[in-house]
Amino acid sequence: MAGNRLGGRQGTAYLGTNAAQPPNWNFNDRDPNQYDTQNVVLGDLWMNTASKEVWVLVSLQGDVNSRGPLASWIMFSGGSGTVVSLTGDIGGVIDPDLNGNINVLGGNNLTSTGTLNTLTIDVTGTTNHAIQVGNATGSLTSLAVATNGQIPIGFTGANPVIATLTPGAGISIDNTVPGAITISNTGSPAGAFSSIAVQTFTVSGTYTPTANMKYCTIEVVGGGGGGGGCAITGAAEVSCGGGAGGGGYGRKTVSAATIGVSQVVTIGAGGAGGVGNASGVSGGTTSVGAIVSAAGGVLGGGGSASGANIAITASAGEGGTATSTDFIVMGGAGGAPLGIAGAGGSIIGGFGGGTYFAGSRVARSSNSAITSDNGNAGNSYGGGGGGGISMQGGAAANGGAGANGIVVITEFVSS
């Protein structure tokens, strides 16, 4: 041990019979190991002169190969304290001062407190219950303490703001329960549609919008044309009238501003059927002011008597159309009549044309069981009338009347 042993009758030795001896000190510039067993006894001390750490010998036992005792040294003290150095995230190693002390100082929003062997680090400068945000100096800033229902709202280039949600139209916000926000729909927002109303006109009149109507869709159908009549027939003759056309259909959506206070509604009348061999009357035009209109169906022609083997004795009417609309459906055309004269003959009158709201009517017909019959009236709304029929000495017959038109207005109403 390089003559560094202090013991025996040195100045540190105790005098007396069987006097207890102080531990021997060994000084070296390294830590002891298990082979440092020469000239030592249990309880001896070893100081590493480089690190100032002190070790004590606690065991001397033989090894498994009988190579002699092996030493067990335990460090129990450091020359400058058990903490030799600290290393921070930046700045390198921090060594103790001459008194073996390393100071741990507080920084932004941090304080350190030492009591005996305990170091306590506390966060300071914050507000109870407040949200903390960082700043450019590396410290914390407390936002305002939020009350029930408040939340932080981002603010570009600045700290978030603790704010309360504001309900819009038709919305309610309940923030009376801590830690909860309940958002409910209490109705339609201003200007939104809350209901739909329908006004229907089958006779002429005045359309007055429902209160708070924002938009409406107007549907119009013209009147159906009247079917043609037919003349009296001889024993070997046939006569039949032509079917009339159905009224046209139009649809248009407009705003409340377009309607204004009110609009005049005109319902196109169905045309009258022809009497005898006369033609019917075309259907009338249906309109709502000058906004939208639909023409009536064209009349069916009157039929004269004929003894031809195959006879088409009258013309059929075209369907009506519509103007100033977003969507148009032309009325159905009437059917042309057909007769077969002579014994065992038969006859079919022209059928009335259909419309968007009504199909066509079945045509009148006979195979001599019926010698005369008036045409069918048009189906509602706006259907054309059918042609009359007569055969084999039958009487004159009238054409069927056309059906009146209609106006349907669907309103979209706000709350």
Protein backbone atom coordinates (compact mmCIF):
# COMPACT_ATOMS: atom_id res chain seq x y z
CA MET A 1 0.00 0.00 0.00
CA ALA A 2 2.98 2.26 -0.76
CA GLY A 3 3.76 2.92 2.95
CA ASN A 4 0.57 4.86 3.41
CA ARG A 5 -0.64 2.83 6.40
CA LEU A 6 -1.15 4.56 9.74
CA GLY A 7 -1.44 2.21 12.72
CA GLY A 8 0.35 0.48 15.59
CA ARG A 9 2.06 2.95 17.94
CA GLN A 10 1.44 5.91 15.70
CA GLY A 11 -0.04 9.10 17.03
CA THR A 12 -3.47 7.82 16.35
CA ALA A 13 -2.96 4.58 18.34
CA TYR A 14 -4.61 4.04 21.68
CA LEU A 15 -2.39 3.10 24.67
CA GLY A 16 -3.28 0.60 27.33
CA THR A 17 -3.65 -3.09 27.95
CA ASN A 18 -5.81 -4.64 25.25
CA ALA A 19 -6.89 -1.17 24.30
CA ALA A 20 -9.20 -0.91 21.32
CA GLN A 21 -7.37 0.40 18.29
CA PRO A 22 -8.76 2.96 15.86
CA PRO A 23 -9.22 1.73 12.29
CA ASN A 24 -6.20 1.82 10.06
CA TRP A 25 -6.30 4.34 7.20
CA ASN A 26 -5.10 3.51 3.72
CA PHE A 27 -4.61 6.29 1.20
CA ASN A 28 -4.42 5.70 -2.55
CA ASP A 29 -5.45 7.44 -5.75
CA ARG A 30 -7.91 4.71 -6.69
CA ASP A 31 -10.86 2.77 -5.31
CA PRO A 32 -10.13 -0.49 -3.42
CA ASN A 33 -10.96 -3.85 -4.98
CA GLN A 34 -11.38 -7.46 -3.78
CA TYR A 35 -7.66 -8.17 -4.03
CA ASP A 36 -6.66 -5.37 -1.63
CA THR A 37 -6.22 -7.82 1.29
CA GLN A 38 -2.62 -7.25 2.43
CA ASN A 39 -1.97 -5.64 5.83
CA VAL A 40 -5.63 -4.89 6.41
CA VAL A 41 -8.14 -6.02 8.99
CA LEU A 42 -11.88 -5.72 9.20
CA GLY A 43 -12.95 -2.15 9.83
CA ASP A 44 -9.97 -0.60 8.06
CA LEU A 45 -10.67 2.52 6.03
CA TRP A 46 -9.56 3.39 2.52
CA MET A 47 -9.61 6.89 1.01
CA ASN A 48 -9.40 7.54 -2.72
CA THR A 49 -7.29 10.68 -2.70
CA ALA A 50 -8.52 11.61 -6.19
CA SER A 51 -12.27 11.41 -5.55
CA LYS A 52 -12.15 11.88 -1.76
CA GLU A 53 -14.40 8.84 -1.37
CA VAL A 54 -14.00 6.73 1.77
CA TRP A 55 -14.45 2.93 1.85
CA VAL A 56 -14.63 0.46 4.79
CA LEU A 57 -13.51 -3.19 4.77
CA VAL A 58 -16.43 -5.36 5.84
CA SER A 59 -15.37 -8.89 4.85
CA LEU A 60 -12.32 -11.11 4.23
CA GLN A 61 -13.29 -14.54 2.94
CA GLY A 62 -11.59 -17.27 0.93
CA ASP A 63 -12.55 -17.70 -2.72
CA VAL A 64 -13.78 -20.92 -4.33
CA ASN A 65 -10.31 -21.74 -5.65
CA SER A 66 -8.62 -21.40 -2.25
CA ARG A 67 -6.51 -18.52 -3.51
CA GLY A 68 -6.73 -16.74 -0.22
CA PRO A 69 -9.15 -14.21 1.17
CA LEU A 70 -11.04 -11.73 -0.98
CA ALA A 71 -11.89 -8.28 0.34
CA SER A 72 -15.34 -6.68 0.40
CA TRP A 73 -15.11 -2.90 0.54
CA ILE A 74 -18.17 -0.64 0.89
CA MET A 75 -18.11 3.10 0.16
CA PHE A 76 -19.87 5.04 2.87
CA SER A 77 -18.76 8.61 2.25
CA GLY A 78 -17.63 10.86 -0.56
CA GLY A 79 -15.05 13.51 0.04
CA SER A 80 -17.25 16.21 -1.45
CA GLY A 81 -20.63 14.60 -0.65
CA THR A 82 -22.40 11.72 -2.30
CA VAL A 83 -23.33 13.93 -5.29
CA VAL A 84 -20.14 14.45 -7.20
CA SER A 85 -21.53 16.51 -10.11
CA LEU A 86 -24.69 17.40 -12.01
CA THR A 87 -25.22 17.75 -15.73
CA GLY A 88 -27.91 20.02 -17.15
CA ASP A 89 -29.64 19.98 -20.54
CA ILE A 90 -27.25 22.74 -21.61
CA GLY A 91 -24.04 24.20 -20.12
CA GLY A 92 -22.15 20.96 -19.37
CA VAL A 93 -21.10 19.44 -16.00
CA ILE A 94 -21.77 21.31 -12.74
CA ASP A 95 -19.17 20.57 -10.03
CA PRO A 96 -19.57 21.18 -6.28
CA ASP A 97 -17.99 24.28 -4.75
CA LEU A 98 -15.21 24.13 -2.13
CA ASN A 99 -17.80 23.29 0.51
CA GLY A 100 -19.09 20.33 -1.52
CA ASN A 101 -22.32 22.14 -2.39
CA ILE A 102 -24.22 22.33 -5.65
CA ASN A 103 -26.80 25.11 -5.71
CA VAL A 104 -30.18 24.33 -7.28
CA LEU A 105 -31.81 27.67 -8.02
CA GLY A 106 -35.31 28.38 -9.25
CA GLY A 107 -36.02 29.74 -12.72
CA ASN A 108 -39.10 31.14 -14.43
CA ASN A 109 -42.09 30.20 -12.29
CA LEU A 110 -39.92 27.80 -10.24
CA THR A 111 -38.50 28.08 -6.71
CA SER A 112 -36.32 25.62 -4.77
CA THR A 113 -36.38 25.10 -1.01
CA GLY A 114 -33.85 23.01 0.92
CA THR A 115 -34.70 21.50 4.32
CA LEU A 116 -32.22 19.12 5.92
CA ASN A 117 -31.71 16.43 3.25
CA THR A 118 -34.80 17.37 1.17
CA LEU A 119 -34.93 19.67 -1.85
CA THR A 120 -38.41 20.87 -2.81
CA ILE A 121 -39.10 22.50 -6.17
CA ASP A 122 -42.36 24.47 -6.51
CA VAL A 123 -44.17 26.12 -9.41
CA THR A 124 -44.92 29.76 -8.60
CA GLY A 125 -46.61 32.75 -10.18
CA THR A 126 -49.73 30.86 -11.28
CA THR A 127 -53.38 31.50 -10.52
CA ASN A 128 -55.53 28.84 -8.91
CA HIS A 129 -57.89 27.13 -11.40
CA ALA A 130 -56.48 29.11 -14.33
CA ILE A 131 -55.19 27.64 -17.60
CA GLN A 132 -51.45 28.22 -18.04
CA VAL A 133 -49.91 29.23 -21.37
CA GLY A 134 -46.28 29.71 -22.28
CA ASN A 135 -44.67 32.95 -23.40
CA ALA A 136 -41.57 34.05 -25.27
CA THR A 137 -39.48 34.42 -22.05
CA GLY A 138 -39.99 30.76 -21.12
CA SER A 139 -42.29 31.46 -18.20
CA LEU A 140 -46.00 30.76 -17.70
CA THR A 141 -48.94 33.14 -17.95
CA SER A 142 -52.26 32.48 -16.22
CA LEU A 143 -55.37 33.07 -18.28
CA ALA A 144 -58.49 34.42 -16.61
CA VAL A 145 -60.24 31.91 -14.37
CA ALA A 146 -63.13 30.42 -16.35
CA THR A 147 -66.64 30.31 -14.96
CA ASN A 148 -69.26 27.67 -15.80
CA GLY A 149 -69.54 27.16 -19.54
CA GLN A 150 -66.55 29.29 -20.55
CA ILE A 151 -63.91 27.91 -22.91
CA PRO A 152 -60.58 29.20 -24.31
CA ILE A 153 -60.89 30.69 -27.80
CA GLY A 154 -57.79 31.03 -29.99
CA PHE A 155 -56.48 34.51 -30.77
CA THR A 156 -53.89 34.75 -33.56
CA GLY A 157 -50.59 36.12 -32.23
CA ALA A 158 -51.90 36.44 -28.67
CA ASN A 159 -52.95 34.37 -25.69
CA PRO A 160 -56.28 32.53 -25.97
CA VAL A 161 -59.27 34.36 -24.54
CA ILE A 162 -61.59 32.80 -21.99
CA ALA A 163 -65.00 33.41 -23.51
CA THR A 164 -68.65 32.43 -23.22
CA LEU A 165 -70.47 30.86 -26.17
CA THR A 166 -73.23 33.07 -27.56
CA PRO A 167 -76.32 31.28 -28.94
CA GLY A 168 -77.61 32.19 -32.37
CA ALA A 169 -81.22 32.30 -33.50
CA GLY A 170 -83.11 29.16 -32.59
CA ILE A 171 -80.30 27.94 -30.28
CA SER A 172 -80.08 27.80 -26.48
CA ILE A 173 -76.98 27.13 -24.38
CA ASP A 174 -77.15 25.79 -20.82
CA ASN A 175 -73.88 26.25 -18.90
CA THR A 176 -75.25 26.04 -15.38
CA VAL A 177 -73.75 22.60 -14.75
CA PRO A 178 -70.01 22.73 -13.91
CA GLY A 179 -67.90 21.04 -16.56
CA ALA A 180 -70.75 20.73 -19.08
CA ILE A 181 -72.25 22.75 -21.94
CA THR A 182 -75.62 21.74 -23.39
CA ILE A 183 -76.55 23.21 -26.79
CA SER A 184 -80.16 22.79 -27.90
CA ASN A 185 -82.25 23.69 -30.93
CA THR A 186 -85.18 25.82 -29.83
CA GLY A 187 -86.65 26.43 -33.26
CA SER A 188 -85.82 27.39 -36.78
CA PRO A 189 -83.37 30.26 -37.27
CA ALA A 190 -84.67 33.50 -38.71
CA GLY A 191 -85.54 33.13 -42.38
CA ALA A 192 -85.57 29.34 -42.34
CA PHE A 193 -88.64 27.44 -43.47
CA SER A 194 -90.67 26.16 -40.56
CA SER A 195 -93.83 25.04 -42.33
CA ILE A 196 -95.42 24.40 -45.71
CA ALA A 197 -98.88 25.64 -46.64
CA VAL A 198 -100.94 24.74 -49.70
CA GLN A 199 -103.64 26.89 -51.30
CA THR A 200 -105.79 25.26 -54.00
CA PHE A 201 -108.09 27.11 -56.44
CA THR A 202 -110.75 25.33 -58.51
CA VAL A 203 -112.63 28.57 -59.20
CA SER A 204 -111.28 31.99 -60.06
CA GLY A 205 -110.37 34.26 -57.15
CA THR A 206 -107.49 36.09 -55.46
CA TYR A 207 -104.33 34.54 -54.09
CA THR A 208 -103.21 36.19 -50.86
CA PRO A 209 -99.96 34.74 -49.49
CA THR A 210 -99.83 33.17 -46.06
CA ALA A 211 -98.01 35.37 -43.51
CA ASN A 212 -94.22 34.96 -43.62
CA MET A 213 -94.34 33.13 -46.95
CA LYS A 214 -90.85 33.30 -48.45
CA TYR A 215 -91.23 31.30 -51.64
CA CYS A 216 -94.04 29.47 -53.39
CA THR A 217 -94.38 26.95 -56.19
CA ILE A 218 -97.33 27.64 -58.49
CA GLU A 219 -98.88 24.83 -60.54
CA VAL A 220 -101.51 25.61 -63.20
CA VAL A 221 -103.62 23.40 -65.48
CA GLY A 222 -105.74 24.80 -68.32
CA GLY A 223 -109.33 23.75 -68.94
CA GLY A 224 -110.06 20.69 -71.07
CA GLY A 225 -111.56 21.10 -74.52
CA GLY A 226 -115.10 20.01 -75.34
CA GLY A 227 -115.60 16.88 -77.46
CA GLY A 228 -117.32 17.03 -80.86
CA GLY A 229 -120.93 16.05 -81.34
CA CYS A 230 -122.24 13.85 -84.15
CA ALA A 231 -125.07 14.03 -86.68
CA ILE A 232 -128.17 11.84 -86.94
CA THR A 233 -127.56 8.73 -89.03
CA GLY A 234 -129.50 6.72 -91.60
CA ALA A 235 -129.98 2.95 -91.51
CA ALA A 236 -126.60 2.19 -93.04
CA GLU A 237 -124.65 5.19 -91.80
CA VAL A 238 -122.24 6.04 -88.94
CA SER A 239 -121.31 9.38 -87.32
CA CYS A 240 -118.90 10.14 -84.45
CA GLY A 241 -117.29 13.24 -82.92
CA GLY A 242 -113.60 13.85 -82.26
CA GLY A 243 -112.09 13.85 -78.77
CA ALA A 244 -110.81 17.15 -77.35
CA GLY A 245 -107.33 17.82 -75.96
CA GLY A 246 -106.48 18.10 -72.26
CA GLY A 247 -105.33 21.35 -70.66
CA GLY A 248 -101.62 22.17 -70.47
CA TYR A 249 -99.59 22.06 -67.20
CA GLY A 250 -97.03 24.60 -65.99
CA ARG A 251 -95.02 25.00 -62.79
CA LYS A 252 -92.99 27.96 -61.51
CA THR A 253 -91.32 28.85 -58.20
CA VAL A 254 -91.21 32.52 -57.23
CA SER A 255 -90.37 34.66 -54.20
CA ALA A 256 -92.75 36.56 -51.96
CA ALA A 257 -91.53 39.76 -53.60
CA THR A 258 -92.77 38.50 -56.97
CA ILE A 259 -96.21 37.72 -55.55
CA GLY A 260 -96.54 40.99 -53.68
CA VAL A 261 -99.71 41.62 -51.69
CA SER A 262 -101.88 39.35 -53.86
CA GLN A 263 -102.43 37.98 -57.38
CA VAL A 264 -105.55 37.38 -59.45
CA VAL A 265 -106.26 33.69 -60.07
CA THR A 266 -108.13 32.74 -63.23
CA ILE A 267 -109.34 29.16 -63.66
CA GLY A 268 -109.72 28.05 -67.25
CA ALA A 269 -113.21 26.67 -67.83
CA GLY A 270 -113.70 23.34 -69.51
CA GLY A 271 -115.05 23.71 -73.05
CA ALA A 272 -118.63 22.75 -73.78
CA GLY A 273 -119.27 19.65 -75.88
CA GLY A 274 -120.57 20.09 -79.43
CA VAL A 275 -124.32 19.72 -79.97
CA GLY A 276 -125.46 17.66 -82.95
CA ASN A 277 -122.74 17.60 -85.51
CA ALA A 278 -121.10 20.76 -84.12
CA SER A 279 -117.56 20.92 -82.81
CA GLY A 280 -116.90 21.41 -79.12
CA VAL A 281 -115.38 24.50 -77.48
CA SER A 282 -111.69 24.77 -76.58
CA GLY A 283 -110.78 24.94 -72.88
CA GLY A 284 -109.97 28.23 -71.15
CA THR A 285 -106.54 29.48 -70.00
CA THR A 286 -105.63 29.17 -66.31
CA SER A 287 -103.29 31.83 -64.86
CA VAL A 288 -101.95 33.50 -61.72
CA GLY A 289 -101.59 37.17 -62.55
CA ALA A 290 -99.02 37.59 -65.32
CA ILE A 291 -96.63 35.21 -63.54
CA VAL A 292 -97.59 31.87 -65.07
CA SER A 293 -100.35 30.49 -67.32
CA ALA A 294 -101.49 27.28 -68.99
CA ALA A 295 -103.66 27.09 -72.10
CA GLY A 296 -106.74 24.92 -72.40
CA GLY A 297 -107.09 21.86 -74.62
CA VAL A 298 -108.22 22.25 -78.23
CA LEU A 299 -111.81 21.30 -79.14
CA GLY A 300 -112.87 18.05 -80.75
CA GLY A 301 -114.46 18.31 -84.23
CA GLY A 302 -118.07 17.50 -84.96
CA GLY A 303 -118.89 14.36 -86.92
CA SER A 304 -121.11 14.11 -89.98
CA ALA A 305 -123.00 11.02 -91.17
CA SER A 306 -121.21 8.69 -93.56
CA GLY A 307 -122.08 5.46 -95.34
CA ALA A 308 -118.45 4.62 -96.16
CA ASN A 309 -117.15 1.22 -95.21
CA ILE A 310 -114.47 2.82 -92.99
CA ALA A 311 -115.19 6.40 -92.00
CA ILE A 312 -113.22 8.97 -89.94
CA THR A 313 -115.89 11.59 -89.63
CA ALA A 314 -114.24 14.23 -87.37
CA SER A 315 -110.92 15.65 -86.20
CA ALA A 316 -109.38 15.37 -82.71
CA GLY A 317 -108.06 18.30 -80.62
CA GLU A 318 -104.45 18.92 -79.50
CA GLY A 319 -103.49 19.29 -75.85
CA GLY A 320 -102.82 22.72 -74.34
CA THR A 321 -99.40 24.09 -73.43
CA ALA A 322 -98.06 26.60 -70.83
CA THR A 323 -96.03 29.83 -70.79
CA SER A 324 -93.66 31.67 -68.39
CA THR A 325 -92.96 28.49 -66.45
CA ASP A 326 -90.00 26.54 -65.09
CA PHE A 327 -91.54 23.23 -66.16
CA ILE A 328 -94.14 22.38 -68.83
CA VAL A 329 -96.19 19.26 -69.59
CA MET A 330 -98.38 19.53 -72.66
CA GLY A 331 -101.92 18.23 -72.31
CA GLY A 332 -102.79 14.94 -73.96
CA ALA A 333 -104.29 15.08 -77.43
CA GLY A 334 -107.84 13.84 -78.00
CA GLY A 335 -108.52 10.66 -79.92
CA ALA A 336 -109.75 10.48 -83.51
CA PRO A 337 -113.11 8.67 -84.06
CA LEU A 338 -113.59 5.64 -86.33
CA GLY A 339 -116.76 4.04 -87.77
CA ILE A 340 -117.59 1.00 -89.95
CA ALA A 341 -120.90 1.49 -91.77
CA GLY A 342 -123.34 -1.12 -92.97
CA ALA A 343 -124.94 -4.12 -91.37
CA GLY A 344 -122.88 -5.49 -88.49
CA GLY A 345 -120.87 -2.25 -88.33
CA SER A 346 -119.32 -0.66 -85.25
CA ILE A 347 -118.24 2.78 -84.09
CA ILE A 348 -115.76 4.40 -81.64
CA GLY A 349 -115.94 8.05 -80.70
CA GLY A 350 -112.82 10.07 -80.03
CA PHE A 351 -111.57 9.89 -76.43
CA GLY A 352 -110.80 13.01 -74.40
CA GLY A 353 -107.12 13.86 -73.80
CA GLY A 354 -105.58 13.58 -70.32
CA THR A 355 -103.57 16.12 -68.25
CA TYR A 356 -100.79 16.18 -65.67
CA PHE A 357 -103.43 15.68 -62.94
CA ALA A 358 -105.86 13.41 -64.82
CA GLY A 359 -105.79 10.58 -67.35
CA SER A 360 -107.90 10.37 -70.50
CA ARG A 361 -111.49 9.06 -70.48
CA VAL A 362 -112.55 5.85 -72.24
CA ALA A 363 -114.13 6.57 -75.60
CA ARG A 364 -117.79 5.83 -76.34
CA SER A 365 -118.26 2.82 -78.61
CA SER A 366 -120.99 0.55 -80.04
CA ASN A 367 -121.45 -2.46 -82.30
CA SER A 368 -125.12 -1.69 -83.02
CA ALA A 369 -126.47 -2.54 -79.57
CA ILE A 370 -126.42 1.19 -78.85
CA THR A 371 -127.26 3.38 -81.78
CA SER A 372 -126.53 6.78 -80.17
CA ASP A 373 -124.56 8.04 -77.12
CA ASN A 374 -123.12 11.32 -75.87
CA GLY A 375 -119.37 11.64 -75.35
CA ASN A 376 -117.80 11.24 -71.89
CA ALA A 377 -116.95 14.38 -69.93
CA GLY A 378 -113.28 15.09 -69.29
CA ASN A 379 -111.54 13.90 -66.13
CA SER A 380 -110.69 16.50 -63.50
CA TYR A 381 -108.65 18.54 -63.62
CA GLY A 382 -108.39 19.82 -67.20
CA GLY A 383 -109.29 16.59 -69.01
CA GLY A 384 -110.72 16.84 -72.54
CA GLY A 385 -114.24 15.68 -73.42
CA GLY A 386 -114.95 12.68 -75.67
CA GLY A 387 -116.85 12.66 -78.95
CA GLY A 388 -120.48 11.56 -79.36
CA ILE A 389 -121.48 8.52 -81.48
CA SER A 390 -124.48 7.57 -83.71
CA MET A 391 -125.05 4.65 -86.08
CA GLN A 392 -127.73 2.78 -88.08
CA GLY A 393 -130.49 5.35 -87.77
CA GLY A 394 -129.42 6.67 -84.36
CA ALA A 395 -130.15 10.14 -83.11
CA ALA A 396 -127.62 12.94 -83.06
CA ALA A 397 -125.35 12.91 -79.95
CA ASN A 398 -123.45 15.61 -78.10
CA GLY A 399 -119.77 15.73 -77.29
CA GLY A 400 -118.56 15.49 -73.67
CA ALA A 401 -117.67 18.69 -71.83
CA GLY A 402 -114.08 19.38 -70.86
CA ALA A 403 -113.10 19.62 -67.14
CA ASN A 404 -112.19 22.93 -65.55
CA GLY A 405 -108.55 23.73 -64.80
CA ILE A 406 -106.90 24.13 -61.39
CA VAL A 407 -104.26 26.16 -59.54
CA VAL A 408 -102.22 24.65 -56.68
CA ILE A 409 -99.84 26.95 -54.77
CA THR A 410 -97.38 25.37 -52.31
CA GLU A 411 -95.98 27.95 -49.89
CA PHE A 412 -92.74 27.76 -47.91
CA VAL A 413 -93.28 29.68 -44.69
CA SER A 414 -90.70 30.87 -42.16
CA SER A 415 -91.16 31.11 -38.42
